[in-house]
Amino acid sequence: MQTRKSWREKLEKEQGLPKIVDIPPKMIKRLGQGKMLIPKPCKNCSNGTYALDERST
């Protein structure tokens, strides 16, 4: 029996991100035509906290 992957393992898995894709037809009305960026997960955000700009601390 295989063990389930933790959310951290899923987050760290190589997914080919960031990538640029065409905006899907269902989103065109809201965003307009063009392309959008799908970012890769932030390494500093993987523990539930968000990376802050040094100037804001």
N, C-alpha and C. Protein backbone atom coordinates (compact mmCIF):
# COMPACT_ATOMS: atom_id res chain seq x y z
N MET A 1 0.84 -1.18 0.00
CA MET A 1 0.00 0.00 0.00
C MET A 1 0.89 1.25 0.00
N GLN A 2 0.58 2.19 -0.86
CA GLN A 2 1.37 3.41 -0.94
C GLN A 2 0.93 4.39 0.15
N THR A 3 1.90 5.13 0.65
CA THR A 3 1.55 6.17 1.62
C THR A 3 1.17 7.44 0.87
N ARG A 4 0.34 8.23 1.48
CA ARG A 4 -0.11 9.48 0.87
C ARG A 4 1.01 10.51 0.94
N LYS A 5 1.08 11.37 -0.06
CA LYS A 5 2.08 12.43 -0.07
C LYS A 5 1.60 13.57 0.81
N SER A 6 2.53 14.14 1.53
CA SER A 6 2.19 15.30 2.36
C SER A 6 2.04 16.53 1.46
N TRP A 7 1.42 17.57 1.99
CA TRP A 7 1.24 18.80 1.22
C TRP A 7 2.58 19.42 0.89
N ARG A 8 3.56 19.24 1.77
CA ARG A 8 4.90 19.78 1.51
C ARG A 8 5.56 19.06 0.34
N GLU A 9 5.41 17.73 0.26
CA GLU A 9 5.96 16.98 -0.86
C GLU A 9 5.31 17.41 -2.17
N LYS A 10 4.01 17.63 -2.14
CA LYS A 10 3.32 18.09 -3.33
C LYS A 10 3.78 19.48 -3.74
N LEU A 11 4.01 20.36 -2.76
CA LEU A 11 4.44 21.73 -3.02
C LEU A 11 5.84 21.76 -3.62
N GLU A 12 6.72 20.87 -3.14
CA GLU A 12 8.11 20.87 -3.59
C GLU A 12 8.33 20.08 -4.88
N LYS A 13 7.32 19.36 -5.34
CA LYS A 13 7.43 18.58 -6.56
C LYS A 13 7.65 19.50 -7.76
N GLU A 14 8.54 19.09 -8.66
CA GLU A 14 8.81 19.88 -9.86
C GLU A 14 7.59 19.83 -10.77
N GLN A 15 7.01 20.98 -11.09
CA GLN A 15 5.78 21.03 -11.87
C GLN A 15 5.93 21.81 -13.16
N GLY A 16 7.14 22.21 -13.49
CA GLY A 16 7.34 22.98 -14.71
C GLY A 16 6.85 24.41 -14.60
N LEU A 17 6.85 24.93 -13.39
CA LEU A 17 6.37 26.30 -13.15
C LEU A 17 7.56 27.21 -12.91
N PRO A 18 7.52 28.45 -13.17
CA PRO A 18 6.42 29.25 -13.69
C PRO A 18 6.23 29.01 -15.18
N LYS A 19 5.01 29.22 -15.64
CA LYS A 19 4.75 29.10 -17.07
C LYS A 19 3.72 30.13 -17.49
N ILE A 20 3.76 30.45 -18.78
CA ILE A 20 2.83 31.42 -19.36
C ILE A 20 1.85 30.65 -20.23
N VAL A 21 0.55 30.87 -20.00
CA VAL A 21 -0.50 30.17 -20.73
C VAL A 21 -1.51 31.18 -21.27
N ASP A 22 -2.26 30.76 -22.29
CA ASP A 22 -3.36 31.58 -22.78
C ASP A 22 -4.46 31.62 -21.73
N ILE A 23 -5.14 32.75 -21.65
CA ILE A 23 -6.25 32.87 -20.70
C ILE A 23 -7.38 31.97 -21.18
N PRO A 24 -7.90 31.08 -20.31
CA PRO A 24 -8.98 30.18 -20.71
C PRO A 24 -10.24 30.95 -21.12
N PRO A 25 -11.04 30.37 -22.04
CA PRO A 25 -12.25 31.06 -22.53
C PRO A 25 -13.19 31.52 -21.42
N LYS A 26 -13.34 30.76 -20.36
CA LYS A 26 -14.25 31.13 -19.28
C LYS A 26 -13.76 32.33 -18.48
N MET A 27 -12.47 32.65 -18.56
CA MET A 27 -11.91 33.76 -17.80
C MET A 27 -11.74 35.02 -18.64
N ILE A 28 -11.93 34.91 -19.96
CA ILE A 28 -11.70 36.05 -20.85
C ILE A 28 -12.61 37.23 -20.51
N LYS A 29 -13.87 36.96 -20.15
CA LYS A 29 -14.80 38.04 -19.84
C LYS A 29 -14.29 38.87 -18.66
N ARG A 30 -13.71 38.21 -17.68
CA ARG A 30 -13.24 38.90 -16.48
C ARG A 30 -11.86 39.53 -16.67
N LEU A 31 -10.96 38.82 -17.36
CA LEU A 31 -9.57 39.28 -17.47
C LEU A 31 -9.22 39.89 -18.82
N GLY A 32 -10.00 39.59 -19.85
CA GLY A 32 -9.65 40.04 -21.19
C GLY A 32 -8.77 39.01 -21.87
N GLN A 33 -8.54 39.21 -23.16
CA GLN A 33 -7.73 38.26 -23.91
C GLN A 33 -6.26 38.48 -23.63
N GLY A 34 -5.49 37.44 -23.82
CA GLY A 34 -4.06 37.56 -23.65
C GLY A 34 -3.48 36.33 -22.99
N LYS A 35 -2.46 36.55 -22.22
CA LYS A 35 -1.76 35.46 -21.55
C LYS A 35 -1.70 35.76 -20.06
N MET A 36 -1.49 34.69 -19.26
CA MET A 36 -1.33 34.88 -17.83
C MET A 36 -0.20 33.99 -17.33
N LEU A 37 0.36 34.40 -16.23
CA LEU A 37 1.48 33.68 -15.63
C LEU A 37 0.96 32.80 -14.50
N ILE A 38 1.38 31.54 -14.51
CA ILE A 38 1.11 30.65 -13.39
C ILE A 38 2.42 30.55 -12.62
N PRO A 39 2.51 31.18 -11.44
CA PRO A 39 3.77 31.21 -10.71
C PRO A 39 4.05 29.90 -9.99
N LYS A 40 5.32 29.68 -9.66
CA LYS A 40 5.63 28.51 -8.86
C LYS A 40 5.46 28.88 -7.39
N PRO A 41 5.21 27.90 -6.54
CA PRO A 41 5.02 28.18 -5.12
C PRO A 41 6.25 28.84 -4.51
N CYS A 42 6.01 29.74 -3.60
CA CYS A 42 7.08 30.46 -2.93
C CYS A 42 7.72 29.57 -1.86
N LYS A 43 9.03 29.46 -1.87
CA LYS A 43 9.70 28.64 -0.85
C LYS A 43 9.47 29.18 0.55
N ASN A 44 9.39 30.50 0.70
CA ASN A 44 9.17 31.09 2.02
C ASN A 44 7.73 30.93 2.48
N CYS A 45 6.83 30.60 1.57
CA CYS A 45 5.41 30.49 1.91
C CYS A 45 5.02 29.06 2.28
N SER A 46 5.93 28.11 2.15
CA SER A 46 5.57 26.71 2.35
C SER A 46 5.29 26.35 3.80
N ASN A 47 5.68 27.19 4.74
CA ASN A 47 5.42 26.87 6.15
C ASN A 47 4.19 27.59 6.68
N GLY A 48 3.40 28.18 5.79
CA GLY A 48 2.18 28.85 6.20
C GLY A 48 2.35 30.33 6.43
N THR A 49 3.58 30.83 6.39
CA THR A 49 3.81 32.27 6.52
C THR A 49 4.19 32.81 5.16
N TYR A 50 4.03 34.08 4.97
CA TYR A 50 4.31 34.70 3.70
C TYR A 50 5.60 35.49 3.78
N ALA A 51 6.32 35.50 2.67
CA ALA A 51 7.56 36.25 2.60
C ALA A 51 7.24 37.74 2.62
N LEU A 52 7.87 38.45 3.49
CA LEU A 52 7.66 39.89 3.60
C LEU A 52 8.84 40.62 3.01
N ASP A 53 8.57 41.75 2.46
CA ASP A 53 9.62 42.63 1.98
C ASP A 53 10.39 43.12 3.20
N GLU A 54 11.70 43.16 3.12
CA GLU A 54 12.53 43.57 4.26
C GLU A 54 12.19 44.97 4.74
N ARG A 55 11.75 45.84 3.83
CA ARG A 55 11.45 47.21 4.23
C ARG A 55 10.19 47.30 5.08
N SER A 56 9.28 46.32 4.99
CA SER A 56 8.02 46.39 5.70
C SER A 56 8.11 45.85 7.13
N THR A 57 9.25 45.28 7.52
CA THR A 57 9.39 44.73 8.87
C THR A 57 9.97 45.72 9.83
